[in-house]
Amino acid sequence: MSDTYTTITASLADVALLTSKGEWFLLYRMTAADGDDMYYLGGRPVTENDDVPAVWHHFPASLTRFYTHLHNGWNCIAGRTVGPLPLRDMFRIDAFEWGILDGLSPDEYPDPARCVATFRSGGGGFLCLYVDGDAVRGVVWSSDEPPYFVDYSTYLDIWTNVGLGA
């Protein structure tokens, strides 16, 4: 997420510490390229005492570092989107029906039971981790186009930067 960190450094206007329902958060005020303010909320980092999803050990090292050193989820307040989801909000894609798959053969798309949504785009799409044994790949899953494989880290960086207005 090197591009994301560069964008945050350039657009960070203010940070505040908040508490809600016994949980602590950092509220970031970011200034987008067009001058508008955006607000992002980051949860406290994951500790060894926290429950983690079963796929935690499949997370790319950079994502694990993000969750353990920075935030358990970080997203735009307006839609709770365009950032890594809090661990509790992650879900397997097969938990929902996807009409986009109608008419497609199962060999034309990644197995939804192996896809865990880790990022909500705000436009009906999700960036997912696709776990196949020890192999992990990225998948873009959307309600309006068939899912496809991507480089997870690259898309995480790009989508987060788009959300930041970069």
C-alpha atoms as a PDB file:
ATOM      1  CA  MET A   1       0.000   0.000   0.000  1.00  0.00           C
ATOM      2  CA  SER A   2       2.896   2.340  -0.668  1.00  0.00           C
ATOM      3  CA  ASP A   3       0.860   4.649  -2.932  1.00  0.00           C
ATOM      4  CA  THR A   4      -1.870   4.791  -0.280  1.00  0.00           C
ATOM      5  CA  TYR A   5       0.576   5.815   2.447  1.00  0.00           C
ATOM      6  CA  THR A   6       1.967   8.533   0.162  1.00  0.00           C
ATOM      7  CA  THR A   7      -1.552   9.835  -0.539  1.00  0.00           C
ATOM      8  CA  ILE A   8      -2.474   9.794   3.149  1.00  0.00           C
ATOM      9  CA  THR A   9       0.692  11.675   4.059  1.00  0.00           C
ATOM     10  CA  ALA A  10      -0.074  14.327   1.449  1.00  0.00           C
ATOM     11  CA  SER A  11      -3.784  14.723   2.251  1.00  0.00           C
ATOM     12  CA  LEU A  12      -3.998  14.246   6.025  1.00  0.00           C
ATOM     13  CA  ALA A  13      -5.502  17.361   7.589  1.00  0.00           C
ATOM     14  CA  ASP A  14      -6.329  16.240  11.152  1.00  0.00           C
ATOM     15  CA  VAL A  15      -6.683  13.190  13.418  1.00  0.00           C
ATOM     16  CA  ALA A  16      -8.960  12.793  16.436  1.00  0.00           C
ATOM     17  CA  LEU A  17      -9.370  10.011  19.003  1.00  0.00           C
ATOM     18  CA  LEU A  18     -12.965   8.800  19.429  1.00  0.00           C
ATOM     19  CA  THR A  19     -14.756   6.245  21.543  1.00  0.00           C
ATOM     20  CA  SER A  20     -18.070   4.585  20.750  1.00  0.00           C
ATOM     21  CA  LYS A  21     -19.753   1.697  22.549  1.00  0.00           C
ATOM     22  CA  GLY A  22     -16.557   0.979  24.475  1.00  0.00           C
ATOM     23  CA  GLU A  23     -14.353   0.842  21.366  1.00  0.00           C
ATOM     24  CA  TRP A  24     -11.600   3.299  20.411  1.00  0.00           C
ATOM     25  CA  PHE A  25     -11.110   4.711  16.921  1.00  0.00           C
ATOM     26  CA  LEU A  26      -8.994   7.246  15.118  1.00  0.00           C
ATOM     27  CA  LEU A  27     -10.907   9.693  12.934  1.00  0.00           C
ATOM     28  CA  TYR A  28      -8.905  11.038   9.998  1.00  0.00           C
ATOM     29  CA  ARG A  29      -9.855  14.193   8.146  1.00  0.00           C
ATOM     30  CA  MET A  30      -8.404  13.971   4.659  1.00  0.00           C
ATOM     31  CA  THR A  31      -8.406  16.659   1.985  1.00  0.00           C
ATOM     32  CA  ALA A  32      -9.109  15.234  -1.477  1.00  0.00           C
ATOM     33  CA  ALA A  33      -7.467  16.563  -4.637  1.00  0.00           C
ATOM     34  CA  ASP A  34     -10.626  18.611  -5.336  1.00  0.00           C
ATOM     35  CA  GLY A  35     -10.364  20.268  -1.905  1.00  0.00           C
ATOM     36  CA  ASP A  36     -13.311  18.452  -0.311  1.00  0.00           C
ATOM     37  CA  ASP A  37     -12.912  16.936   3.152  1.00  0.00           C
ATOM     38  CA  MET A  38     -13.391  13.204   3.627  1.00  0.00           C
ATOM     39  CA  TYR A  39     -13.492  11.378   6.927  1.00  0.00           C
ATOM     40  CA  TYR A  40     -12.010   7.947   7.534  1.00  0.00           C
ATOM     41  CA  LEU A  41     -12.373   5.831  10.636  1.00  0.00           C
ATOM     42  CA  GLY A  42      -9.771   3.313  11.790  1.00  0.00           C
ATOM     43  CA  GLY A  43     -10.346   0.741  14.532  1.00  0.00           C
ATOM     44  CA  ARG A  44      -7.718  -0.206  17.076  1.00  0.00           C
ATOM     45  CA  PRO A  45      -5.110  -2.700  15.854  1.00  0.00           C
ATOM     46  CA  VAL A  46      -5.687  -6.437  16.197  1.00  0.00           C
ATOM     47  CA  THR A  47      -4.003  -8.053  19.189  1.00  0.00           C
ATOM     48  CA  GLU A  48      -3.258 -11.690  19.986  1.00  0.00           C
ATOM     49  CA  ASN A  49      -6.357 -11.749  22.226  1.00  0.00           C
ATOM     50  CA  ASP A  50      -8.734 -10.866  19.376  1.00  0.00           C
ATOM     51  CA  ASP A  51     -10.763 -13.344  17.381  1.00  0.00           C
ATOM     52  CA  VAL A  52      -9.530 -13.514  13.820  1.00  0.00           C
ATOM     53  CA  PRO A  53     -11.169 -15.159  10.805  1.00  0.00           C
ATOM     54  CA  ALA A  54     -10.071 -18.650   9.829  1.00  0.00           C
ATOM     55  CA  VAL A  55      -8.303 -17.251   6.753  1.00  0.00           C
ATOM     56  CA  TRP A  56      -6.113 -14.919   8.861  1.00  0.00           C
ATOM     57  CA  HIS A  57      -3.016 -17.076   8.318  1.00  0.00           C
ATOM     58  CA  HIS A  58      -3.567 -16.711   4.531  1.00  0.00           C
ATOM     59  CA  PHE A  59      -3.516 -12.903   4.601  1.00  0.00           C
ATOM     60  CA  PRO A  60      -0.633 -11.337   2.672  1.00  0.00           C
ATOM     61  CA  ALA A  61       2.064 -10.137   5.083  1.00  0.00           C
ATOM     62  CA  SER A  62       1.378  -6.483   4.226  1.00  0.00           C
ATOM     63  CA  LEU A  63      -2.310  -6.883   5.125  1.00  0.00           C
ATOM     64  CA  THR A  64      -1.512  -8.653   8.398  1.00  0.00           C
ATOM     65  CA  ARG A  65       0.881  -5.815   9.285  1.00  0.00           C
ATOM     66  CA  PHE A  66      -1.831  -3.277   8.495  1.00  0.00           C
ATOM     67  CA  TYR A  67      -4.284  -5.000  10.867  1.00  0.00           C
ATOM     68  CA  THR A  68      -1.778  -5.600  13.683  1.00  0.00           C
ATOM     69  CA  HIS A  69       0.193  -2.345  13.494  1.00  0.00           C
ATOM     70  CA  LEU A  70      -2.286   0.222  12.262  1.00  0.00           C
ATOM     71  CA  HIS A  71      -6.019  -0.544  12.173  1.00  0.00           C
ATOM     72  CA  ASN A  72      -8.619  -3.294  12.337  1.00  0.00           C
ATOM     73  CA  GLY A  73     -10.489  -1.833   9.409  1.00  0.00           C
ATOM     74  CA  TRP A  74     -10.128   1.600   7.903  1.00  0.00           C
ATOM     75  CA  ASN A  75     -12.789   3.117   5.708  1.00  0.00           C
ATOM     76  CA  CYS A  76     -14.625   6.226   4.624  1.00  0.00           C
ATOM     77  CA  ILE A  77     -17.368   7.055   7.096  1.00  0.00           C
ATOM     78  CA  ALA A  78     -19.810   8.139   4.373  1.00  0.00           C
ATOM     79  CA  GLY A  79     -20.402   4.595   3.150  1.00  0.00           C
ATOM     80  CA  ARG A  80     -18.138   2.429   5.308  1.00  0.00           C
ATOM     81  CA  THR A  81     -16.306   1.662   2.069  1.00  0.00           C
ATOM     82  CA  VAL A  82     -13.035   2.087   0.166  1.00  0.00           C
ATOM     83  CA  GLY A  83     -10.737   0.596   2.762  1.00  0.00           C
ATOM     84  CA  PRO A  84      -9.919  -2.731   4.400  1.00  0.00           C
ATOM     85  CA  LEU A  85     -12.980  -4.048   6.252  1.00  0.00           C
ATOM     86  CA  PRO A  86     -12.920  -4.629  10.003  1.00  0.00           C
ATOM     87  CA  LEU A  87     -12.312  -8.345  10.584  1.00  0.00           C
ATOM     88  CA  ARG A  88     -15.828  -8.785  11.985  1.00  0.00           C
ATOM     89  CA  ASP A  89     -17.329  -7.450   8.709  1.00  0.00           C
ATOM     90  CA  MET A  90     -15.490  -9.841   6.401  1.00  0.00           C
ATOM     91  CA  PHE A  91     -17.590 -12.585   4.858  1.00  0.00           C
ATOM     92  CA  ARG A  92     -17.410 -15.481   2.459  1.00  0.00           C
ATOM     93  CA  ILE A  93     -18.868 -14.529  -0.906  1.00  0.00           C
ATOM     94  CA  ASP A  94     -21.012 -17.674  -0.999  1.00  0.00           C
ATOM     95  CA  ALA A  95     -23.036 -16.261   1.916  1.00  0.00           C
ATOM     96  CA  PHE A  96     -25.069 -14.353  -0.696  1.00  0.00           C
ATOM     97  CA  GLU A  97     -26.744 -15.054  -4.027  1.00  0.00           C
ATOM     98  CA  TRP A  98     -25.007 -13.518  -7.033  1.00  0.00           C
ATOM     99  CA  GLY A  99     -27.304 -13.224 -10.040  1.00  0.00           C
ATOM    100  CA  ILE A 100     -24.296 -12.271 -12.149  1.00  0.00           C
ATOM    101  CA  LEU A 101     -23.318 -15.961 -12.096  1.00  0.00           C
ATOM    102  CA  ASP A 102     -26.581 -17.042 -13.771  1.00  0.00           C
ATOM    103  CA  GLY A 103     -25.829 -18.542 -17.148  1.00  0.00           C
ATOM    104  CA  LEU A 104     -22.124 -18.998 -16.399  1.00  0.00           C
ATOM    105  CA  SER A 105     -20.504 -22.382 -16.021  1.00  0.00           C
ATOM    106  CA  PRO A 106     -18.764 -22.903 -12.632  1.00  0.00           C
ATOM    107  CA  ASP A 107     -15.438 -23.217 -14.470  1.00  0.00           C
ATOM    108  CA  GLU A 108     -15.871 -19.613 -15.708  1.00  0.00           C
ATOM    109  CA  TYR A 109     -15.529 -17.991 -12.287  1.00  0.00           C
ATOM    110  CA  PRO A 110     -13.681 -18.499  -8.991  1.00  0.00           C
ATOM    111  CA  ASP A 111     -15.362 -20.736  -6.413  1.00  0.00           C
ATOM    112  CA  PRO A 112     -17.366 -18.348  -4.173  1.00  0.00           C
ATOM    113  CA  ALA A 113     -16.805 -20.638  -1.161  1.00  0.00           C
ATOM    114  CA  ARG A 114     -13.078 -19.832  -1.391  1.00  0.00           C
ATOM    115  CA  CYS A 115     -13.550 -16.039  -1.633  1.00  0.00           C
ATOM    116  CA  VAL A 116     -13.489 -13.859   1.482  1.00  0.00           C
ATOM    117  CA  ALA A 117     -14.520 -10.224   1.018  1.00  0.00           C
ATOM    118  CA  THR A 118     -11.934  -7.963   2.665  1.00  0.00           C
ATOM    119  CA  PHE A 119     -12.704  -4.614   1.015  1.00  0.00           C
ATOM    120  CA  ARG A 120     -15.972  -2.951  -0.103  1.00  0.00           C
ATOM    121  CA  SER A 121     -15.599  -0.638  -3.101  1.00  0.00           C
ATOM    122  CA  GLY A 122     -18.753   1.377  -2.560  1.00  0.00           C
ATOM    123  CA  GLY A 123     -19.965   0.619  -6.075  1.00  0.00           C
ATOM    124  CA  GLY A 124     -21.257  -2.892  -5.392  1.00  0.00           C
ATOM    125  CA  GLY A 125     -17.863  -4.556  -5.718  1.00  0.00           C
ATOM    126  CA  PHE A 126     -15.602  -6.373  -3.316  1.00  0.00           C
ATOM    127  CA  LEU A 127     -11.928  -7.164  -3.290  1.00  0.00           C
ATOM    128  CA  CYS A 128     -11.563 -10.697  -2.017  1.00  0.00           C
ATOM    129  CA  LEU A 129      -8.892 -13.121  -0.981  1.00  0.00           C
ATOM    130  CA  TYR A 130      -9.264 -16.399  -2.867  1.00  0.00           C
ATOM    131  CA  VAL A 131      -7.821 -19.208  -0.763  1.00  0.00           C
ATOM    132  CA  ASP A 132      -6.957 -22.465  -2.520  1.00  0.00           C
ATOM    133  CA  GLY A 133      -4.873 -24.541  -0.133  1.00  0.00           C
ATOM    134  CA  ASP A 134      -1.728 -22.533   0.532  1.00  0.00           C
ATOM    135  CA  ALA A 135      -2.212 -20.424  -2.596  1.00  0.00           C
ATOM    136  CA  VAL A 136      -3.890 -17.046  -2.160  1.00  0.00           C
ATOM    137  CA  ARG A 137      -4.973 -14.765  -4.990  1.00  0.00           C
ATOM    138  CA  GLY A 138      -7.076 -11.667  -5.329  1.00  0.00           C
ATOM    139  CA  VAL A 139     -10.559 -11.663  -6.845  1.00  0.00           C
ATOM    140  CA  VAL A 140     -12.776  -8.750  -7.778  1.00  0.00           C
ATOM    141  CA  TRP A 141     -16.372  -9.769  -7.078  1.00  0.00           C
ATOM    142  CA  SER A 142     -19.179  -7.550  -8.259  1.00  0.00           C
ATOM    143  CA  SER A 143     -22.941  -7.603  -8.639  1.00  0.00           C
ATOM    144  CA  ASP A 144     -22.758  -6.380 -12.234  1.00  0.00           C
ATOM    145  CA  GLU A 145     -19.877  -8.234 -13.910  1.00  0.00           C
ATOM    146  CA  PRO A 146     -18.416 -11.735 -13.632  1.00  0.00           C
ATOM    147  CA  PRO A 147     -15.673 -12.112 -10.991  1.00  0.00           C
ATOM    148  CA  TYR A 148     -12.065 -12.180 -12.099  1.00  0.00           C
ATOM    149  CA  PHE A 149      -8.618 -12.774 -10.612  1.00  0.00           C
ATOM    150  CA  VAL A 150      -6.315  -9.811  -9.856  1.00  0.00           C
ATOM    151  CA  ASP A 151      -3.134  -9.066  -7.956  1.00  0.00           C
ATOM    152  CA  TYR A 152      -4.573  -8.493  -4.477  1.00  0.00           C
ATOM    153  CA  SER A 153      -2.003  -6.003  -3.158  1.00  0.00           C
ATOM    154  CA  THR A 154      -2.075  -3.879  -6.313  1.00  0.00           C
ATOM    155  CA  TYR A 155      -5.874  -3.629  -6.276  1.00  0.00           C
ATOM    156  CA  LEU A 156      -5.940  -2.891  -2.548  1.00  0.00           C
ATOM    157  CA  ASP A 157      -3.598   0.029  -3.125  1.00  0.00           C
ATOM    158  CA  ILE A 158      -5.408   1.307  -6.233  1.00  0.00           C
ATOM    159  CA  TRP A 159      -8.931   1.057  -4.790  1.00  0.00           C
ATOM    160  CA  THR A 160      -7.915   2.734  -1.535  1.00  0.00           C
ATOM    161  CA  ASN A 161      -6.279   5.577  -3.464  1.00  0.00           C
ATOM    162  CA  VAL A 162      -9.379   6.010  -5.634  1.00  0.00           C
ATOM    163  CA  GLY A 163     -11.437   6.314  -2.445  1.00  0.00           C
ATOM    164  CA  LEU A 164      -9.060   8.976  -1.201  1.00  0.00           C
ATOM    165  CA  GLY A 165      -9.708  10.994  -4.320  1.00  0.00           C
ATOM    166  CA  ALA A 166      -6.148  10.580  -5.605  1.00  0.00           C
END
